[in-house]
PDB file of N, CA and C in Angstrom:
ATOM      1  N   UNK A   1      99.095 110.072 124.512  1.00  0.00           N
ATOM      2  CA  UNK A   1     100.422 110.678 124.476  1.00  0.00           C
ATOM      3  C   UNK A   1     100.853 111.042 125.894  1.00  0.00           C
ATOM      4  N   UNK A   2     102.033 110.629 126.260  1.00  0.00           N
ATOM      5  CA  UNK A   2     102.569 110.899 127.597  1.00  0.00           C
ATOM      6  C   UNK A   2     103.242 112.273 127.595  1.00  0.00           C
ATOM      7  N   UNK A   3     102.974 113.100 128.613  1.00  0.00           N
ATOM      8  CA  UNK A   3     103.622 114.421 128.671  1.00  0.00           C
ATOM      9  C   UNK A   3     105.143 114.320 128.767  1.00  0.00           C
ATOM     10  N   UNK A   4     105.825 115.339 128.251  1.00  0.00           N
ATOM     11  CA  UNK A   4     107.298 115.354 128.202  1.00  0.00           C
ATOM     12  C   UNK A   4     107.914 115.215 129.592  1.00  0.00           C
ATOM     13  N   UNK A   5     107.333 115.872 130.575  1.00  0.00           N
ATOM     14  CA  UNK A   5     107.880 115.841 131.931  1.00  0.00           C
ATOM     15  C   UNK A   5     107.916 114.411 132.478  1.00  0.00           C
ATOM     16  N   UNK A   6     106.854 113.668 132.245  1.00  0.00           N
ATOM     17  CA  UNK A   6     106.781 112.285 132.715  1.00  0.00           C
ATOM     18  C   UNK A   6     107.736 111.408 131.909  1.00  0.00           C
ATOM     19  N   UNK A   7     107.839 111.656 130.598  1.00  0.00           N
ATOM     20  CA  UNK A   7     108.775 110.913 129.760  1.00  0.00           C
ATOM     21  C   UNK A   7     110.204 111.090 130.253  1.00  0.00           C
ATOM     22  N   UNK A   8     110.578 112.326 130.596  1.00  0.00           N
ATOM     23  CA  UNK A   8     111.942 112.594 131.066  1.00  0.00           C
ATOM     24  C   UNK A   8     112.197 111.934 132.419  1.00  0.00           C
ATOM     25  N   UNK A   9     111.191 111.915 133.275  1.00  0.00           N
ATOM     26  CA  UNK A   9     111.338 111.260 134.574  1.00  0.00           C
ATOM     27  C   UNK A   9     111.545 109.758 134.398  1.00  0.00           C
ATOM     28  N   UNK A  10     110.757 109.151 133.531  1.00  0.00           N
ATOM     29  CA  UNK A  10     110.892 107.718 133.245  1.00  0.00           C
ATOM     30  C   UNK A  10     112.259 107.427 132.636  1.00  0.00           C
ATOM     31  N   UNK A  11     112.704 108.299 131.728  1.00  0.00           N
ATOM     32  CA  UNK A  11     114.001 108.114 131.072  1.00  0.00           C
ATOM     33  C   UNK A  11     115.142 108.189 132.082  1.00  0.00           C
ATOM     34  N   UNK A  12     115.086 109.149 132.997  1.00  0.00           N
ATOM     35  CA  UNK A  12     116.166 109.257 133.984  1.00  0.00           C
ATOM     36  C   UNK A  12     116.186 108.050 134.917  1.00  0.00           C
ATOM     37  N   UNK A  13     115.010 107.535 135.271  1.00  0.00           N
ATOM     38  CA  UNK A  13     114.957 106.324 136.081  1.00  0.00           C
ATOM     39  C   UNK A  13     115.527 105.131 135.322  1.00  0.00           C
ATOM     40  N   UNK A  14     115.184 105.038 134.044  1.00  0.00           N
ATOM     41  CA  UNK A  14     115.677 103.935 133.211  1.00  0.00           C
ATOM     42  C   UNK A  14     117.194 103.995 133.058  1.00  0.00           C
ATOM     43  N   UNK A  15     117.738 105.202 132.898  1.00  0.00           N
ATOM     44  CA  UNK A  15     119.193 105.377 132.780  1.00  0.00           C
ATOM     45  C   UNK A  15     119.876 104.900 134.053  1.00  0.00           C
ATOM     46  N   UNK A  16     119.314 105.280 135.188  1.00  0.00           N
ATOM     47  CA  UNK A  16     119.881 104.864 136.467  1.00  0.00           C
ATOM     48  C   UNK A  16     119.850 103.345 136.620  1.00  0.00           C
ATOM     49  N   UNK A  17     118.747 102.736 136.237  1.00  0.00           N
ATOM     50  CA  UNK A  17     118.624 101.271 136.309  1.00  0.00           C
ATOM     51  C   UNK A  17     119.651 100.603 135.405  1.00  0.00           C
ATOM     52  N   UNK A  18     119.822 101.122 134.186  1.00  0.00           N
ATOM     53  CA  UNK A  18     120.766 100.532 133.241  1.00  0.00           C
ATOM     54  C   UNK A  18     122.202 100.602 133.757  1.00  0.00           C
ATOM     55  N   UNK A  19     122.576 101.719 134.374  1.00  0.00           N
ATOM     56  CA  UNK A  19     123.930 101.831 134.921  1.00  0.00           C
ATOM     57  C   UNK A  19     124.137 100.882 136.099  1.00  0.00           C
ATOM     58  N   UNK A  20     123.126 100.723 136.932  1.00  0.00           N
ATOM     59  CA  UNK A  20     123.241  99.787 138.053  1.00  0.00           C
ATOM     60  C   UNK A  20     123.362  98.354 137.560  1.00  0.00           C
ATOM     61  N   UNK A  21     122.597  98.010 136.540  1.00  0.00           N
ATOM     62  CA  UNK A  21     122.685  96.669 135.965  1.00  0.00           C
ATOM     63  C   UNK A  21     124.035  96.439 135.286  1.00  0.00           C
ATOM     64  N   UNK A  22     124.557  97.478 134.628  1.00  0.00           N
ATOM     65  CA  UNK A  22     125.871  97.357 133.984  1.00  0.00           C
ATOM     66  C   UNK A  22     126.944  97.070 135.028  1.00  0.00           C
ATOM     67  N   UNK A  23     126.836  97.715 136.169  1.00  0.00           N
ATOM     68  CA  UNK A  23     127.802  97.481 137.242  1.00  0.00           C
ATOM     69  C   UNK A  23     127.671  96.067 137.800  1.00  0.00           C
ATOM     70  N   UNK A  24     126.425  95.608 137.937  1.00  0.00           N
ATOM     71  CA  UNK A  24     126.167  94.289 138.490  1.00  0.00           C
ATOM     72  C   UNK A  24     126.681  93.170 137.572  1.00  0.00           C
ATOM     73  N   UNK A  25     126.513  93.349 136.275  1.00  0.00           N
ATOM     74  CA  UNK A  25     126.822  92.313 135.292  1.00  0.00           C
ATOM     75  C   UNK A  25     128.275  92.379 134.818  1.00  0.00           C
ATOM     76  N   UNK A  26     128.966  93.462 135.091  1.00  0.00           N
ATOM     77  CA  UNK A  26     130.294  93.710 134.498  1.00  0.00           C
ATOM     78  C   UNK A  26     131.320  92.621 134.792  1.00  0.00           C
ATOM     79  N   UNK A  27     131.244  91.977 135.930  1.00  0.00           N
ATOM     80  CA  UNK A  27     132.217  90.931 136.267  1.00  0.00           C
ATOM     81  C   UNK A  27     132.036  89.677 135.402  1.00  0.00           C
ATOM     82  N   UNK A  28     130.777  89.328 135.105  1.00  0.00           N
ATOM     83  CA  UNK A  28     130.517  88.121 134.336  1.00  0.00           C
ATOM     84  C   UNK A  28     130.519  88.369 132.826  1.00  0.00           C
ATOM     85  N   UNK A  29     129.846  89.429 132.395  1.00  0.00           N
ATOM     86  CA  UNK A  29     129.634  89.644 130.965  1.00  0.00           C
ATOM     87  C   UNK A  29     129.868  91.110 130.619  1.00  0.00           C
ATOM     88  N   UNK A  30     131.060  91.417 130.142  1.00  0.00           N
ATOM     89  CA  UNK A  30     131.422  92.800 129.831  1.00  0.00           C
ATOM     90  C   UNK A  30     130.680  93.320 128.612  1.00  0.00           C
ATOM     91  N   UNK A  31     130.371  92.450 127.665  1.00  0.00           N
ATOM     92  CA  UNK A  31     129.634  92.881 126.467  1.00  0.00           C
ATOM     93  C   UNK A  31     128.226  93.342 126.815  1.00  0.00           C
ATOM     94  N   UNK A  32     127.601  92.670 127.755  1.00  0.00           N
ATOM     95  CA  UNK A  32     126.259  93.057 128.179  1.00  0.00           C
ATOM     96  C   UNK A  32     126.278  94.407 128.894  1.00  0.00           C
ATOM     97  N   UNK A  33     127.292  94.633 129.720  1.00  0.00           N
ATOM     98  CA  UNK A  33     127.383  95.928 130.395  1.00  0.00           C
ATOM     99  C   UNK A  33     127.656  97.047 129.389  1.00  0.00           C
ATOM    100  N   UNK A  34     128.448  96.763 128.338  1.00  0.00           N
ATOM    101  CA  UNK A  34     128.654  97.757 127.278  1.00  0.00           C
ATOM    102  C   UNK A  34     127.342  98.066 126.569  1.00  0.00           C
ATOM    103  N   UNK A  35     126.531  97.050 126.362  1.00  0.00           N
ATOM    104  CA  UNK A  35     125.231  97.248 125.721  1.00  0.00           C
ATOM    105  C   UNK A  35     124.316  98.106 126.584  1.00  0.00           C
ATOM    106  N   UNK A  36     124.343  97.888 127.901  1.00  0.00           N
ATOM    107  CA  UNK A  36     123.539  98.704 128.805  1.00  0.00           C
ATOM    108  C   UNK A  36     123.960 100.170 128.738  1.00  0.00           C
ATOM    109  N   UNK A  37     125.258 100.413 128.639  1.00  0.00           N
ATOM    110  CA  UNK A  37     125.754 101.787 128.550  1.00  0.00           C
ATOM    111  C   UNK A  37     125.273 102.440 127.260  1.00  0.00           C
ATOM    112  N   UNK A  38     125.350 101.719 126.140  1.00  0.00           N
ATOM    113  CA  UNK A  38     124.892 102.304 124.874  1.00  0.00           C
ATOM    114  C   UNK A  38     123.388 102.577 124.905  1.00  0.00           C
ATOM    115  N   UNK A  39     122.616 101.693 125.534  1.00  0.00           N
ATOM    116  CA  UNK A  39     121.181 101.933 125.655  1.00  0.00           C
ATOM    117  C   UNK A  39     120.891 103.167 126.505  1.00  0.00           C
ATOM    118  N   UNK A  40     121.619 103.310 127.598  1.00  0.00           N
ATOM    119  CA  UNK A  40     121.440 104.479 128.463  1.00  0.00           C
ATOM    120  C   UNK A  40     121.776 105.766 127.713  1.00  0.00           C
ATOM    121  N   UNK A  41     122.843 105.729 126.925  1.00  0.00           N
ATOM    122  CA  UNK A  41     123.214 106.903 126.138  1.00  0.00           C
ATOM    123  C   UNK A  41     122.167 107.233 125.077  1.00  0.00           C
ATOM    124  N   UNK A  42     121.623 106.206 124.432  1.00  0.00           N
ATOM    125  CA  UNK A  42     120.585 106.441 123.427  1.00  0.00           C
ATOM    126  C   UNK A  42     119.350 107.077 124.047  1.00  0.00           C
ATOM    127  N   UNK A  43     118.969 106.597 125.215  1.00  0.00           N
ATOM    128  CA  UNK A  43     117.814 107.175 125.910  1.00  0.00           C
ATOM    129  C   UNK A  43     118.082 108.627 126.265  1.00  0.00           C
ATOM    130  N   UNK A  44     119.282 108.907 126.774  1.00  0.00           N
ATOM    131  CA  UNK A  44     119.599 110.275 127.195  1.00  0.00           C
ATOM    132  C   UNK A  44     119.650 111.233 126.007  1.00  0.00           C
ATOM    133  N   UNK A  45     120.175 110.792 124.862  1.00  0.00           N
ATOM    134  CA  UNK A  45     120.234 111.683 123.708  1.00  0.00           C
ATOM    135  C   UNK A  45     118.857 111.858 123.062  1.00  0.00           C
ATOM    136  N   UNK A  46     118.060 110.818 123.040  1.00  0.00           N
ATOM    137  CA  UNK A  46     116.748 110.904 122.396  1.00  0.00           C
ATOM    138  C   UNK A  46     115.800 111.833 123.159  1.00  0.00           C
ATOM    139  N   UNK A  47     115.816 111.737 124.476  1.00  0.00           N
ATOM    140  CA  UNK A  47     114.887 112.529 125.282  1.00  0.00           C
ATOM    141  C   UNK A  47     115.547 113.750 125.935  1.00  0.00           C
ATOM    142  N   UNK A  48     116.806 114.002 125.582  1.00  0.00           N
ATOM    143  CA  UNK A  48     117.548 115.161 126.101  1.00  0.00           C
ATOM    144  C   UNK A  48     117.575 115.184 127.630  1.00  0.00           C
ATOM    145  N   UNK A  49     117.944 114.042 128.196  1.00  0.00           N
ATOM    146  CA  UNK A  49     118.086 113.891 129.642  1.00  0.00           C
ATOM    147  C   UNK A  49     119.566 113.711 129.942  1.00  0.00           C
ATOM    148  N   UNK A  50     120.070 114.434 130.918  1.00  0.00           N
ATOM    149  CA  UNK A  50     121.474 114.302 131.278  1.00  0.00           C
ATOM    150  C   UNK A  50     121.734 113.019 132.045  1.00  0.00           C
ATOM    151  N   UNK A  51     122.904 112.447 131.775  1.00  0.00           N
ATOM    152  CA  UNK A  51     123.348 111.297 132.557  1.00  0.00           C
ATOM    153  C   UNK A  51     123.865 111.850 133.889  1.00  0.00           C
ATOM    154  N   UNK A  52     123.448 111.272 135.016  1.00  0.00           N
ATOM    155  CA  UNK A  52     123.885 111.786 136.317  1.00  0.00           C
ATOM    156  C   UNK A  52     125.407 111.815 136.461  1.00  0.00           C
ATOM    157  N   UNK A  53     125.885 112.775 137.230  1.00  0.00           N
ATOM    158  CA  UNK A  53     127.316 113.029 137.371  1.00  0.00           C
ATOM    159  C   UNK A  53     128.092 111.810 137.875  1.00  0.00           C
ATOM    160  N   UNK A  54     127.501 111.045 138.803  1.00  0.00           N
ATOM    161  CA  UNK A  54     128.217 109.899 139.366  1.00  0.00           C
ATOM    162  C   UNK A  54     128.408 108.772 138.355  1.00  0.00           C
ATOM    163  N   UNK A  55     127.612 108.764 137.280  1.00  0.00           N
ATOM    164  CA  UNK A  55     127.736 107.724 136.264  1.00  0.00           C
ATOM    165  C   UNK A  55     128.616 108.127 135.084  1.00  0.00           C
ATOM    166  N   UNK A  56     128.928 109.402 134.959  1.00  0.00           N
ATOM    167  CA  UNK A  56     129.681 109.867 133.788  1.00  0.00           C
ATOM    168  C   UNK A  56     131.105 109.326 133.723  1.00  0.00           C
ATOM    169  N   UNK A  57     131.698 109.027 134.866  1.00  0.00           N
ATOM    170  CA  UNK A  57     133.067 108.506 134.876  1.00  0.00           C
ATOM    171  C   UNK A  57     133.128 106.986 134.740  1.00  0.00           C
ATOM    172  N   UNK A  58     131.992 106.345 134.540  1.00  0.00           N
ATOM    173  CA  UNK A  58     131.944 104.895 134.451  1.00  0.00           C
ATOM    174  C   UNK A  58     132.081 104.355 133.035  1.00  0.00           C
ATOM    175  N   UNK A  59     132.169 105.246 132.040  1.00  0.00           N
ATOM    176  CA  UNK A  59     132.324 104.788 130.669  1.00  0.00           C
ATOM    177  C   UNK A  59     133.230 105.730 129.889  1.00  0.00           C
ATOM    178  N   UNK A  60     133.801 105.224 128.814  1.00  0.00           N
ATOM    179  CA  UNK A  60     134.714 105.987 127.972  1.00  0.00           C
ATOM    180  C   UNK A  60     133.929 107.011 127.149  1.00  0.00           C
ATOM    181  N   UNK A  61     134.419 108.227 127.088  1.00  0.00           N
ATOM    182  CA  UNK A  61     133.737 109.276 126.333  1.00  0.00           C
ATOM    183  C   UNK A  61     133.970 109.149 124.830  1.00  0.00           C
ATOM    184  N   UNK A  62     134.918 108.318 124.434  1.00  0.00           N
ATOM    185  CA  UNK A  62     135.251 108.165 123.023  1.00  0.00           C
ATOM    186  C   UNK A  62     134.549 106.957 122.392  1.00  0.00           C
ATOM    187  N   UNK A  63     134.662 105.792 123.043  1.00  0.00           N
ATOM    188  CA  UNK A  63     134.081 104.571 122.455  1.00  0.00           C
ATOM    189  C   UNK A  63     132.845 104.084 123.220  1.00  0.00           C
ATOM    190  N   UNK A  64     132.504 104.729 124.342  1.00  0.00           N
ATOM    191  CA  UNK A  64     131.313 104.429 125.137  1.00  0.00           C
ATOM    192  C   UNK A  64     131.294 103.003 125.685  1.00  0.00           C
ATOM    193  N   UNK A  65     132.451 102.495 126.062  1.00  0.00           N
ATOM    194  CA  UNK A  65     132.543 101.173 126.689  1.00  0.00           C
ATOM    195  C   UNK A  65     132.591 101.346 128.204  1.00  0.00           C
ATOM    196  N   UNK A  66     132.069 100.357 128.921  1.00  0.00           N
ATOM    197  CA  UNK A  66     132.046 100.388 130.380  1.00  0.00           C
ATOM    198  C   UNK A  66     133.468 100.243 130.932  1.00  0.00           C
ATOM    199  N   UNK A  67     133.800 101.043 131.941  1.00  0.00           N
ATOM    200  CA  UNK A  67     135.120 100.977 132.562  1.00  0.00           C
ATOM    201  C   UNK A  67     135.116  99.951 133.684  1.00  0.00           C
ATOM    202  N   UNK A  68     136.020  98.989 133.584  1.00  0.00           N
ATOM    203  CA  UNK A  68     136.256  98.015 134.632  1.00  0.00           C
ATOM    204  C   UNK A  68     137.736  98.093 134.963  1.00  0.00           C
ATOM    205  N   UNK A  69     138.095  98.685 136.115  1.00  0.00           N
ATOM    206  CA  UNK A  69     139.512  98.904 136.432  1.00  0.00           C
ATOM    207  C   UNK A  69     140.331  97.620 136.344  1.00  0.00           C
ATOM    208  N   UNK A  70     141.436  97.698 135.608  1.00  0.00           N
ATOM    209  CA  UNK A  70     142.312  96.555 135.428  1.00  0.00           C
ATOM    210  C   UNK A  70     142.054  95.792 134.140  1.00  0.00           C
ATOM    211  N   UNK A  71     140.812  95.787 133.674  1.00  0.00           N
ATOM    212  CA  UNK A  71     140.480  95.071 132.439  1.00  0.00           C
ATOM    213  C   UNK A  71     140.287  96.001 131.253  1.00  0.00           C
ATOM    214  N   UNK A  72     139.547  97.073 131.445  1.00  0.00           N
ATOM    215  CA  UNK A  72     139.293  98.009 130.346  1.00  0.00           C
ATOM    216  C   UNK A  72     139.797  99.409 130.652  1.00  0.00           C
ATOM    217  N   UNK A  73     140.432  99.582 131.806  1.00  0.00           N
ATOM    218  CA  UNK A  73     140.800 100.918 132.252  1.00  0.00           C
ATOM    219  C   UNK A  73     142.092 100.895 133.059  1.00  0.00           C
ATOM    220  N   UNK A  74     142.945 101.887 132.818  1.00  0.00           N
ATOM    221  CA  UNK A  74     144.108 102.111 133.668  1.00  0.00           C
ATOM    222  C   UNK A  74     143.931 103.481 134.305  1.00  0.00           C
ATOM    223  N   UNK A  75     144.101 103.557 135.619  1.00  0.00           N
ATOM    224  CA  UNK A  75     143.924 104.796 136.355  1.00  0.00           C
ATOM    225  C   UNK A  75     145.255 105.225 136.945  1.00  0.00           C
ATOM    226  N   UNK A  76     145.600 106.474 136.738  1.00  0.00           N
ATOM    227  CA  UNK A  76     146.819 107.058 137.299  1.00  0.00           C
ATOM    228  C   UNK A  76     146.500 108.432 137.867  1.00  0.00           C
ATOM    229  N   UNK A  77     147.355 108.901 138.766  1.00  0.00           N
ATOM    230  CA  UNK A  77     147.260 110.275 139.248  1.00  0.00           C
ATOM    231  C   UNK A  77     148.579 110.973 138.943  1.00  0.00           C
ATOM    232  N   UNK A  78     148.485 112.200 138.446  1.00  0.00           N
ATOM    233  CA  UNK A  78     149.671 112.963 138.100  1.00  0.00           C
ATOM    234  C   UNK A  78     149.316 114.440 138.060  1.00  0.00           C
ATOM    235  N   UNK A  79     150.106 115.246 138.733  1.00  0.00           N
ATOM    236  CA  UNK A  79     149.932 116.701 138.739  1.00  0.00           C
ATOM    237  C   UNK A  79     148.493 117.131 139.050  1.00  0.00           C
ATOM    238  N   UNK A  80     147.954 116.612 140.147  1.00  0.00           N
ATOM    239  CA  UNK A  80     146.601 116.933 140.590  1.00  0.00           C
ATOM    240  C   UNK A  80     145.538 116.605 139.552  1.00  0.00           C
ATOM    241  N   UNK A  81     145.784 115.549 138.782  1.00  0.00           N
ATOM    242  CA  UNK A  81     144.816 115.091 137.792  1.00  0.00           C
ATOM    243  C   UNK A  81     144.643 113.582 137.909  1.00  0.00           C
ATOM    244  N   UNK A  82     143.433 113.138 137.705  1.00  0.00           N
ATOM    245  CA  UNK A  82     143.116 111.720 137.635  1.00  0.00           C
ATOM    246  C   UNK A  82     143.081 111.359 136.159  1.00  0.00           C
ATOM    247  N   UNK A  83     143.920 110.408 135.742  1.00  0.00           N
ATOM    248  CA  UNK A  83     144.053 110.075 134.330  1.00  0.00           C
ATOM    249  C   UNK A  83     143.470 108.686 134.078  1.00  0.00           C
ATOM    250  N   UNK A  84     142.480 108.632 133.181  1.00  0.00           N
ATOM    251  CA  UNK A  84     141.868 107.373 132.757  1.00  0.00           C
ATOM    252  C   UNK A  84     142.378 107.045 131.362  1.00  0.00           C
ATOM    253  N   UNK A  85     142.888 105.809 131.185  1.00  0.00           N
ATOM    254  CA  UNK A  85     143.343 105.335 129.888  1.00  0.00           C
ATOM    255  C   UNK A  85     142.482 104.144 129.494  1.00  0.00           C
ATOM    256  N   UNK A  86     141.743 104.280 128.405  1.00  0.00           N
ATOM    257  CA  UNK A  86     140.857 103.218 127.929  1.00  0.00           C
ATOM    258  C   UNK A  86     141.671 102.219 127.117  1.00  0.00           C
ATOM    259  N   UNK A  87     141.617 100.947 127.498  1.00  0.00           N
ATOM    260  CA  UNK A  87     142.349  99.917 126.764  1.00  0.00           C
ATOM    261  C   UNK A  87     141.702  99.607 125.412  1.00  0.00           C
ATOM    262  N   UNK A  88     140.418  99.876 125.275  1.00  0.00           N
ATOM    263  CA  UNK A  88     139.711  99.553 124.041  1.00  0.00           C
ATOM    264  C   UNK A  88     140.083 100.489 122.891  1.00  0.00           C
ATOM    265  N   UNK A  89     140.026 101.803 123.131  1.00  0.00           N
ATOM    266  CA  UNK A  89     140.264 102.763 122.048  1.00  0.00           C
ATOM    267  C   UNK A  89     141.528 103.598 122.255  1.00  0.00           C
ATOM    268  N   UNK A  90     142.256 103.349 123.351  1.00  0.00           N
ATOM    269  CA  UNK A  90     143.501 104.058 123.682  1.00  0.00           C
ATOM    270  C   UNK A  90     143.289 105.555 123.943  1.00  0.00           C
ATOM    271  N   UNK A  91     142.087 105.924 124.355  1.00  0.00           N
ATOM    272  CA  UNK A  91     141.775 107.324 124.631  1.00  0.00           C
ATOM    273  C   UNK A  91     142.148 107.676 126.067  1.00  0.00           C
ATOM    274  N   UNK A  92     142.701 108.865 126.256  1.00  0.00           N
ATOM    275  CA  UNK A  92     143.096 109.340 127.576  1.00  0.00           C
ATOM    276  C   UNK A  92     142.138 110.448 127.995  1.00  0.00           C
ATOM    277  N   UNK A  93     141.588 110.335 129.210  1.00  0.00           N
ATOM    278  CA  UNK A  93     140.708 111.351 129.768  1.00  0.00           C
ATOM    279  C   UNK A  93     141.308 111.824 131.083  1.00  0.00           C
ATOM    280  N   UNK A  94     141.373 113.137 131.256  1.00  0.00           N
ATOM    281  CA  UNK A  94     141.945 113.707 132.475  1.00  0.00           C
ATOM    282  C   UNK A  94     140.865 114.448 133.253  1.00  0.00           C
ATOM    283  N   UNK A  95     140.804 114.171 134.560  1.00  0.00           N
ATOM    284  CA  UNK A  95     139.865 114.833 135.452  1.00  0.00           C
ATOM    285  C   UNK A  95     140.656 115.527 136.556  1.00  0.00           C
ATOM    286  N   UNK A  96     140.409 116.805 136.817  1.00  0.00           N
ATOM    287  CA  UNK A  96     141.094 117.465 137.939  1.00  0.00           C
ATOM    288  C   UNK A  96     140.534 116.961 139.266  1.00  0.00           C
ATOM    289  N   UNK A  97     141.390 116.925 140.286  1.00  0.00           N
ATOM    290  CA  UNK A  97     140.908 116.541 141.603  1.00  0.00           C
ATOM    291  C   UNK A  97     141.709 117.277 142.665  1.00  0.00           C
ATOM    292  N   UNK A  98     141.123 117.353 143.843  1.00  0.00           N
ATOM    293  CA  UNK A  98     141.778 117.985 144.987  1.00  0.00           C
ATOM    294  C   UNK A  98     141.985 116.929 146.058  1.00  0.00           C
ATOM    295  N   UNK A  99     143.138 116.943 146.687  1.00  0.00           N
ATOM    296  CA  UNK A  99     143.380 116.033 147.804  1.00  0.00           C
ATOM    297  C   UNK A  99     142.637 116.558 149.017  1.00  0.00           C
ATOM    298  N   UNK A 100     142.014 115.638 149.767  1.00  0.00           N
ATOM    299  CA  UNK A 100     141.281 116.070 150.959  1.00  0.00           C
ATOM    300  C   UNK A 100     141.954 115.595 152.203  1.00  0.00           C
TER     301      UNK A 100
END
């Protein structure tokens, strides 16, 4: 039996690898990148590991599909908010931002 601490470390590494592969494959095969995202989410929920902050904006929070700007995502800025519109499920996500 592998200790929980080591399991969580392996899971976080696997999640990171899956997101990198999803980004790499997204231009050729969008279905495969969507599958990588669902696998990463399953790993994170099963072992209670958080998905890193830099990867959270790469997929839809409603349908869990990979965001590819122009194909699966529309990005707008309005009233100091970054607005993501998912073409797959028509879900709108708003993120606050500050101009630098």
